[in-house]
Amino acid sequence: GEAELPVTFGGVTFVPGHYLYADEDGVIVSA
């Protein structure tokens, strides 16, 4: 496997160092 690289699923790219917020309504990502 690989660590600390951008990964994409669910229509969103998750970039190391960006921010993720999650709750009962879902998951969002922000730079």
Full PDB file with SEQRES, HELIX, SHEET, SSBOND, CRYST1, ORIGX, SCALE, CONECT and MASTER records, all heavy atoms in Angstrom:
SEQRES   1 A   31  GLY GLU ALA GLU LEU PRO VAL THR PHE GLY GLY VAL THR          
SEQRES   2 A   31  PHE VAL PRO GLY HIS TYR LEU TYR ALA ASP GLU ASP GLY          
SEQRES   3 A   31  VAL ILE VAL SER ALA                                          
SHEET    1 AA1 2 VAL A   7  PHE A   9  0                                        
SHEET    2 AA1 2 VAL A  12  PHE A  14 -1                                        
SHEET    1 AA2 2 TYR A  19  ASP A  23  0                                        
SHEET    2 AA2 2 GLY A  26  SER A  30 -1                                        
CRYST1    1.000    1.000    1.000  90.00  90.00  90.00 P 1           1          
ORIGX1      1.000000  0.000000  0.000000        0.00000                         
ORIGX2      0.000000  1.000000  0.000000        0.00000                         
ORIGX3      0.000000  0.000000  1.000000        0.00000                         
SCALE1      1.000000  0.000000  0.000000        0.00000                         
SCALE2      0.000000  1.000000  0.000000        0.00000                         
SCALE3      0.000000  0.000000  1.000000        0.00000                         
ATOM      1  N   GLY A   1       0.822  -1.197   0.000  1.00  0.00           N  
ATOM      2  CA  GLY A   1       0.000   0.000   0.000  1.00  0.00           C  
ATOM      3  C   GLY A   1       0.857   1.247   0.000  1.00  0.00           C  
ATOM      4  O   GLY A   1       2.087   1.182   0.066  1.00  0.00           O  
ATOM      5  N   GLU A   2       0.190   2.392  -0.098  1.00  0.00           N  
ATOM      6  CA  GLU A   2       0.878   3.678  -0.141  1.00  0.00           C  
ATOM      7  C   GLU A   2       0.252   4.620   0.875  1.00  0.00           C  
ATOM      8  O   GLU A   2      -0.932   4.520   1.176  1.00  0.00           O  
ATOM      9  CB  GLU A   2       0.742   4.294  -1.534  1.00  0.00           C  
ATOM     10  CG  GLU A   2       1.348   3.462  -2.651  1.00  0.00           C  
ATOM     11  CD  GLU A   2       1.033   4.066  -4.005  1.00  0.00           C  
ATOM     12  OE1 GLU A   2       1.812   4.938  -4.446  1.00  0.00           O  
ATOM     13  OE2 GLU A   2       0.008   3.696  -4.586  1.00  0.00           O  
ATOM     14  N   ALA A   3       1.070   5.557   1.370  1.00  0.00           N  
ATOM     15  CA  ALA A   3       0.605   6.518   2.368  1.00  0.00           C  
ATOM     16  C   ALA A   3       0.801   7.945   1.879  1.00  0.00           C  
ATOM     17  O   ALA A   3       1.705   8.226   1.088  1.00  0.00           O  
ATOM     18  CB  ALA A   3       1.374   6.320   3.676  1.00  0.00           C  
ATOM     19  N   GLU A   4      -0.061   8.834   2.388  1.00  0.00           N  
ATOM     20  CA  GLU A   4       0.048  10.278   2.165  1.00  0.00           C  
ATOM     21  C   GLU A   4       0.072  10.674   0.695  1.00  0.00           C  
ATOM     22  O   GLU A   4       0.944  11.415   0.247  1.00  0.00           O  
ATOM     23  CB  GLU A   4       1.275  10.838   2.913  1.00  0.00           C  
ATOM     24  CG  GLU A   4       1.139  10.710   4.429  1.00  0.00           C  
ATOM     25  CD  GLU A   4      -0.118  11.386   4.988  1.00  0.00           C  
ATOM     26  OE1 GLU A   4      -0.371  12.555   4.693  1.00  0.00           O  
ATOM     27  OE2 GLU A   4      -0.856  10.718   5.737  1.00  0.00           O  
ATOM     28  N   LEU A   5      -0.932  10.178  -0.039  1.00  0.00           N  
ATOM     29  CA  LEU A   5      -1.129  10.587  -1.417  1.00  0.00           C  
ATOM     30  C   LEU A   5      -2.609  10.892  -1.596  1.00  0.00           C  
ATOM     31  O   LEU A   5      -3.434  10.376  -0.842  1.00  0.00           O  
ATOM     32  CB  LEU A   5      -0.673   9.507  -2.398  1.00  0.00           C  
ATOM     33  CG  LEU A   5      -1.526   8.238  -2.517  1.00  0.00           C  
ATOM     34  CD1 LEU A   5      -1.158   7.510  -3.796  1.00  0.00           C  
ATOM     35  CD2 LEU A   5      -1.287   7.320  -1.336  1.00  0.00           C  
ATOM     36  N   PRO A   6      -2.986  11.732  -2.558  1.00  0.00           N  
ATOM     37  CA  PRO A   6      -4.407  11.981  -2.781  1.00  0.00           C  
ATOM     38  C   PRO A   6      -5.113  10.683  -3.195  1.00  0.00           C  
ATOM     39  O   PRO A   6      -4.575   9.921  -4.010  1.00  0.00           O  
ATOM     40  CB  PRO A   6      -4.428  13.000  -3.914  1.00  0.00           C  
ATOM     41  CG  PRO A   6      -3.078  13.655  -3.862  1.00  0.00           C  
ATOM     42  CD  PRO A   6      -2.141  12.568  -3.410  1.00  0.00           C  
ATOM     43  N   VAL A   7      -6.282  10.439  -2.622  1.00  0.00           N  
ATOM     44  CA  VAL A   7      -7.097   9.275  -2.988  1.00  0.00           C  
ATOM     45  C   VAL A   7      -8.494   9.774  -3.335  1.00  0.00           C  
ATOM     46  O   VAL A   7      -8.965  10.760  -2.765  1.00  0.00           O  
ATOM     47  CB  VAL A   7      -7.150   8.207  -1.867  1.00  0.00           C  
ATOM     48  CG1 VAL A   7      -5.765   7.633  -1.606  1.00  0.00           C  
ATOM     49  CG2 VAL A   7      -7.751   8.746  -0.585  1.00  0.00           C  
ATOM     50  N   THR A   8      -9.137   9.094  -4.263  1.00  0.00           N  
ATOM     51  CA  THR A   8     -10.448   9.533  -4.735  1.00  0.00           C  
ATOM     52  C   THR A   8     -11.462   8.408  -4.653  1.00  0.00           C  
ATOM     53  O   THR A   8     -11.219   7.304  -5.149  1.00  0.00           O  
ATOM     54  CB  THR A   8     -10.348  10.035  -6.191  1.00  0.00           C  
ATOM     55  OG1 THR A   8      -9.381  11.080  -6.258  1.00  0.00           O  
ATOM     56  CG2 THR A   8     -11.693  10.560  -6.680  1.00  0.00           C  
ATOM     57  N   PHE A   9     -12.589   8.689  -4.023  1.00  0.00           N  
ATOM     58  CA  PHE A   9     -13.760   7.812  -4.026  1.00  0.00           C  
ATOM     59  C   PHE A   9     -14.957   8.640  -3.593  1.00  0.00           C  
ATOM     60  O   PHE A   9     -14.805   9.716  -3.024  1.00  0.00           O  
ATOM     61  CB  PHE A   9     -13.569   6.565  -3.144  1.00  0.00           C  
ATOM     62  CG  PHE A   9     -13.180   6.850  -1.715  1.00  0.00           C  
ATOM     63  CD1 PHE A   9     -14.145   7.138  -0.756  1.00  0.00           C  
ATOM     64  CD2 PHE A   9     -11.855   6.810  -1.319  1.00  0.00           C  
ATOM     65  CE1 PHE A   9     -13.794   7.393   0.557  1.00  0.00           C  
ATOM     66  CE2 PHE A   9     -11.490   7.068  -0.014  1.00  0.00           C  
ATOM     67  CZ  PHE A   9     -12.469   7.356   0.931  1.00  0.00           C  
ATOM     68  N   GLY A  10     -16.140   8.162  -3.883  1.00  0.00           N  
ATOM     69  CA  GLY A  10     -17.351   8.893  -3.508  1.00  0.00           C  
ATOM     70  C   GLY A  10     -17.457  10.255  -4.163  1.00  0.00           C  
ATOM     71  O   GLY A  10     -18.140  11.148  -3.655  1.00  0.00           O  
ATOM     72  N   GLY A  11     -16.781  10.431  -5.307  1.00  0.00           N  
ATOM     73  CA  GLY A  11     -16.845  11.684  -6.039  1.00  0.00           C  
ATOM     74  C   GLY A  11     -15.975  12.794  -5.476  1.00  0.00           C  
ATOM     75  O   GLY A  11     -16.087  13.949  -5.907  1.00  0.00           O  
ATOM     76  N   VAL A  12     -15.105  12.476  -4.521  1.00  0.00           N  
ATOM     77  CA  VAL A  12     -14.272  13.478  -3.852  1.00  0.00           C  
ATOM     78  C   VAL A  12     -12.827  12.984  -3.800  1.00  0.00           C  
ATOM     79  O   VAL A  12     -12.573  11.796  -3.610  1.00  0.00           O  
ATOM     80  CB  VAL A  12     -14.794  13.738  -2.420  1.00  0.00           C  
ATOM     81  CG1 VAL A  12     -13.843  14.584  -1.609  1.00  0.00           C  
ATOM     82  CG2 VAL A  12     -16.169  14.375  -2.462  1.00  0.00           C  
ATOM     83  N   THR A  13     -11.887  13.916  -3.947  1.00  0.00           N  
ATOM     84  CA  THR A  13     -10.479  13.596  -3.746  1.00  0.00           C  
ATOM     85  C   THR A  13     -10.071  14.050  -2.350  1.00  0.00           C  
ATOM     86  O   THR A  13     -10.312  15.195  -1.963  1.00  0.00           O  
ATOM     87  CB  THR A  13      -9.594  14.280  -4.808  1.00  0.00           C  
ATOM     88  OG1 THR A  13      -9.974  13.768  -6.099  1.00  0.00           O  
ATOM     89  CG2 THR A  13      -8.114  13.987  -4.576  1.00  0.00           C  
ATOM     90  N   PHE A  14      -9.502  13.133  -1.594  1.00  0.00           N  
ATOM     91  CA  PHE A  14      -9.045  13.389  -0.227  1.00  0.00           C  
ATOM     92  C   PHE A  14      -7.548  13.663  -0.292  1.00  0.00           C  
ATOM     93  O   PHE A  14      -6.779  12.787  -0.679  1.00  0.00           O  
ATOM     94  CB  PHE A  14      -9.320  12.173   0.664  1.00  0.00           C  
ATOM     95  CG  PHE A  14     -10.776  11.788   0.722  1.00  0.00           C  
ATOM     96  CD1 PHE A  14     -11.349  11.004  -0.276  1.00  0.00           C  
ATOM     97  CD2 PHE A  14     -11.572  12.214   1.773  1.00  0.00           C  
ATOM     98  CE1 PHE A  14     -12.685  10.650  -0.221  1.00  0.00           C  
ATOM     99  CE2 PHE A  14     -12.914  11.864   1.829  1.00  0.00           C  
ATOM    100  CZ  PHE A  14     -13.471  11.087   0.834  1.00  0.00           C  
ATOM    101  N   VAL A  15      -7.159  14.866   0.075  1.00  0.00           N  
ATOM    102  CA  VAL A  15      -5.766  15.295  -0.022  1.00  0.00           C  
ATOM    103  C   VAL A  15      -5.181  15.380   1.384  1.00  0.00           C  
ATOM    104  O   VAL A  15      -5.769  16.032   2.257  1.00  0.00           O  
ATOM    105  CB  VAL A  15      -5.667  16.669  -0.726  1.00  0.00           C  
ATOM    106  CG1 VAL A  15      -4.223  17.150  -0.783  1.00  0.00           C  
ATOM    107  CG2 VAL A  15      -6.285  16.598  -2.122  1.00  0.00           C  
ATOM    108  N   PRO A  16      -4.033  14.747   1.627  1.00  0.00           N  
ATOM    109  CA  PRO A  16      -3.412  14.858   2.946  1.00  0.00           C  
ATOM    110  C   PRO A  16      -3.237  16.334   3.343  1.00  0.00           C  
ATOM    111  O   PRO A  16      -2.795  17.147   2.524  1.00  0.00           O  
ATOM    112  CB  PRO A  16      -2.057  14.168   2.773  1.00  0.00           C  
ATOM    113  CG  PRO A  16      -2.285  13.200   1.648  1.00  0.00           C  
ATOM    114  CD  PRO A  16      -3.244  13.899   0.716  1.00  0.00           C  
ATOM    115  N   GLY A  17      -3.634  16.649   4.574  1.00  0.00           N  
ATOM    116  CA  GLY A  17      -3.534  18.018   5.058  1.00  0.00           C  
ATOM    117  C   GLY A  17      -4.792  18.838   4.861  1.00  0.00           C  
ATOM    118  O   GLY A  17      -4.967  19.868   5.506  1.00  0.00           O  
ATOM    119  N   HIS A  18      -5.692  18.402   3.949  1.00  0.00           N  
ATOM    120  CA  HIS A  18      -6.996  19.048   3.850  1.00  0.00           C  
ATOM    121  C   HIS A  18      -7.826  18.576   5.035  1.00  0.00           C  
ATOM    122  O   HIS A  18      -7.338  17.800   5.865  1.00  0.00           O  
ATOM    123  CB  HIS A  18      -7.664  18.713   2.523  1.00  0.00           C  
ATOM    124  CG  HIS A  18      -7.084  19.464   1.351  1.00  0.00           C  
ATOM    125  ND1 HIS A  18      -7.674  19.482   0.119  1.00  0.00           N  
ATOM    126  CD2 HIS A  18      -5.958  20.220   1.238  1.00  0.00           C  
ATOM    127  CE1 HIS A  18      -6.954  20.218  -0.714  1.00  0.00           C  
ATOM    128  NE2 HIS A  18      -5.893  20.663  -0.053  1.00  0.00           N  
ATOM    129  N   TYR A  19      -9.086  18.988   5.128  1.00  0.00           N  
ATOM    130  CA  TYR A  19      -9.901  18.691   6.307  1.00  0.00           C  
ATOM    131  C   TYR A  19     -11.155  17.906   5.946  1.00  0.00           C  
ATOM    132  O   TYR A  19     -11.788  18.170   4.917  1.00  0.00           O  
ATOM    133  CB  TYR A  19     -10.282  19.989   7.025  1.00  0.00           C  
ATOM    134  CG  TYR A  19      -9.089  20.616   7.691  1.00  0.00           C  
ATOM    135  CD1 TYR A  19      -8.176  21.358   6.963  1.00  0.00           C  
ATOM    136  CD2 TYR A  19      -8.836  20.404   9.041  1.00  0.00           C  
ATOM    137  CE1 TYR A  19      -7.039  21.895   7.552  1.00  0.00           C  
ATOM    138  CE2 TYR A  19      -7.710  20.935   9.644  1.00  0.00           C  
ATOM    139  CZ  TYR A  19      -6.815  21.681   8.894  1.00  0.00           C  
ATOM    140  OH  TYR A  19      -5.696  22.197   9.484  1.00  0.00           O  
ATOM    141  N   LEU A  20     -11.492  16.972   6.822  1.00  0.00           N  
ATOM    142  CA  LEU A  20     -12.691  16.154   6.676  1.00  0.00           C  
ATOM    143  C   LEU A  20     -13.563  16.366   7.895  1.00  0.00           C  
ATOM    144  O   LEU A  20     -13.063  16.433   9.027  1.00  0.00           O  
ATOM    145  CB  LEU A  20     -12.303  14.675   6.564  1.00  0.00           C  
ATOM    146  CG  LEU A  20     -13.421  13.656   6.419  1.00  0.00           C  
ATOM    147  CD1 LEU A  20     -12.927  12.455   5.615  1.00  0.00           C  
ATOM    148  CD2 LEU A  20     -13.958  13.171   7.750  1.00  0.00           C  
ATOM    149  N   TYR A  21     -14.870  16.488   7.660  1.00  0.00           N  
ATOM    150  CA  TYR A  21     -15.859  16.590   8.731  1.00  0.00           C  
ATOM    151  C   TYR A  21     -16.953  15.568   8.453  1.00  0.00           C  
ATOM    152  O   TYR A  21     -17.382  15.419   7.298  1.00  0.00           O  
ATOM    153  CB  TYR A  21     -16.454  18.002   8.788  1.00  0.00           C  
ATOM    154  CG  TYR A  21     -15.396  19.050   9.018  1.00  0.00           C  
ATOM    155  CD1 TYR A  21     -14.806  19.717   7.951  1.00  0.00           C  
ATOM    156  CD2 TYR A  21     -14.953  19.343  10.308  1.00  0.00           C  
ATOM    157  CE1 TYR A  21     -13.806  20.655   8.154  1.00  0.00           C  
ATOM    158  CE2 TYR A  21     -13.953  20.275  10.517  1.00  0.00           C  
ATOM    159  CZ  TYR A  21     -13.383  20.931   9.441  1.00  0.00           C  
ATOM    160  OH  TYR A  21     -12.398  21.851   9.659  1.00  0.00           O  
ATOM    161  N   ALA A  22     -17.374  14.855   9.483  1.00  0.00           N  
ATOM    162  CA  ALA A  22     -18.375  13.804   9.309  1.00  0.00           C  
ATOM    163  C   ALA A  22     -19.364  13.828  10.462  1.00  0.00           C  
ATOM    164  O   ALA A  22     -19.006  14.116  11.603  1.00  0.00           O  
ATOM    165  CB  ALA A  22     -17.692  12.438   9.239  1.00  0.00           C  
ATOM    166  N   ASP A  23     -20.610  13.544  10.149  1.00  0.00           N  
ATOM    167  CA  ASP A  23     -21.647  13.385  11.173  1.00  0.00           C  
ATOM    168  C   ASP A  23     -22.761  12.520  10.598  1.00  0.00           C  
ATOM    169  O   ASP A  23     -22.592  11.897   9.538  1.00  0.00           O  
ATOM    170  CB  ASP A  23     -22.153  14.740  11.686  1.00  0.00           C  
ATOM    171  CG  ASP A  23     -22.966  15.531  10.668  1.00  0.00           C  
ATOM    172  OD1 ASP A  23     -23.194  15.046   9.531  1.00  0.00           O  
ATOM    173  OD2 ASP A  23     -23.387  16.655  11.003  1.00  0.00           O  
ATOM    174  N   GLU A  24     -23.902  12.513  11.258  1.00  0.00           N  
ATOM    175  CA  GLU A  24     -25.027  11.673  10.842  1.00  0.00           C  
ATOM    176  C   GLU A  24     -25.533  12.014   9.443  1.00  0.00           C  
ATOM    177  O   GLU A  24     -26.186  11.204   8.798  1.00  0.00           O  
ATOM    178  CB  GLU A  24     -26.180  11.799  11.853  1.00  0.00           C  
ATOM    179  CG  GLU A  24     -25.841  11.369  13.259  1.00  0.00           C  
ATOM    180  CD  GLU A  24     -25.165  12.441  14.116  1.00  0.00           C  
ATOM    181  OE1 GLU A  24     -24.836  13.544  13.608  1.00  0.00           O  
ATOM    182  OE2 GLU A  24     -24.945  12.167  15.305  1.00  0.00           O  
ATOM    183  N   ASP A  25     -25.244  13.236   8.964  1.00  0.00           N  
ATOM    184  CA  ASP A  25     -25.724  13.652   7.649  1.00  0.00           C  
ATOM    185  C   ASP A  25     -24.760  13.327   6.518  1.00  0.00           C  
ATOM    186  O   ASP A  25     -25.135  13.408   5.352  1.00  0.00           O  
ATOM    187  CB  ASP A  25     -26.010  15.161   7.638  1.00  0.00           C  
ATOM    188  CG  ASP A  25     -27.238  15.506   8.469  1.00  0.00           C  
ATOM    189  OD1 ASP A  25     -28.147  14.657   8.583  1.00  0.00           O  
ATOM    190  OD2 ASP A  25     -27.282  16.624   9.005  1.00  0.00           O  
ATOM    191  N   GLY A  26     -23.516  13.013   6.838  1.00  0.00           N  
ATOM    192  CA  GLY A  26     -22.584  12.669   5.777  1.00  0.00           C  
ATOM    193  C   GLY A  26     -21.168  13.114   6.039  1.00  0.00           C  
ATOM    194  O   GLY A  26     -20.792  13.448   7.164  1.00  0.00           O  
ATOM    195  N   VAL A  27     -20.381  13.126   4.955  1.00  0.00           N  
ATOM    196  CA  VAL A  27     -18.955  13.447   5.015  1.00  0.00           C  
ATOM    197  C   VAL A  27     -18.681  14.574   4.029  1.00  0.00           C  
ATOM    198  O   VAL A  27     -19.104  14.512   2.876  1.00  0.00           O  
ATOM    199  CB  VAL A  27     -18.092  12.215   4.651  1.00  0.00           C  
ATOM    200  CG1 VAL A  27     -16.614  12.556   4.662  1.00  0.00           C  
ATOM    201  CG2 VAL A  27     -18.388  11.053   5.604  1.00  0.00           C  
ATOM    202  N   ILE A  28     -17.965  15.606   4.510  1.00  0.00           N  
ATOM    203  CA  ILE A  28     -17.567  16.706   3.646  1.00  0.00           C  
ATOM    204  C   ILE A  28     -16.060  16.928   3.771  1.00  0.00           C  
ATOM    205  O   ILE A  28     -15.457  16.566   4.781  1.00  0.00           O  
ATOM    206  CB  ILE A  28     -18.334  18.014   3.950  1.00  0.00           C  
ATOM    207  CG1 ILE A  28     -18.051  18.517   5.355  1.00  0.00           C  
ATOM    208  CG2 ILE A  28     -19.832  17.817   3.722  1.00  0.00           C  
ATOM    209  CD1 ILE A  28     -18.633  19.894   5.652  1.00  0.00           C  
ATOM    210  N   VAL A  29     -15.480  17.537   2.732  1.00  0.00           N  
ATOM    211  CA  VAL A  29     -14.047  17.781   2.689  1.00  0.00           C  
ATOM    212  C   VAL A  29     -13.818  19.232   2.278  1.00  0.00           C  
ATOM    213  O   VAL A  29     -14.529  19.763   1.414  1.00  0.00           O  
ATOM    214  CB  VAL A  29     -13.363  16.817   1.701  1.00  0.00           C  
ATOM    215  CG1 VAL A  29     -11.904  17.142   1.522  1.00  0.00           C  
ATOM    216  CG2 VAL A  29     -13.534  15.373   2.167  1.00  0.00           C  
ATOM    217  N   SER A  30     -12.827  19.845   2.891  1.00  0.00           N  
ATOM    218  CA  SER A  30     -12.465  21.231   2.605  1.00  0.00           C  
ATOM    219  C   SER A  30     -10.948  21.368   2.559  1.00  0.00           C  
ATOM    220  O   SER A  30     -10.232  20.666   3.286  1.00  0.00           O  
ATOM    221  CB  SER A  30     -13.041  22.145   3.693  1.00  0.00           C  
ATOM    222  OG  SER A  30     -12.538  23.450   3.564  1.00  0.00           O  
ATOM    223  N   ALA A  31     -10.454  22.286   1.715  1.00  0.00           N  
ATOM    224  CA  ALA A  31      -9.016  22.529   1.631  1.00  0.00           C  
ATOM    225  C   ALA A  31      -8.487  23.199   2.893  1.00  0.00           C  
ATOM    226  O   ALA A  31      -7.307  23.097   3.196  1.00  0.00           O  
ATOM    227  CB  ALA A  31      -8.689  23.374   0.409  1.00  0.00           C  
TER     228      ALA A  31                                                      
MASTER        0    0    0    0    4    0    0    6  227    1    0    3          
END                                                                             
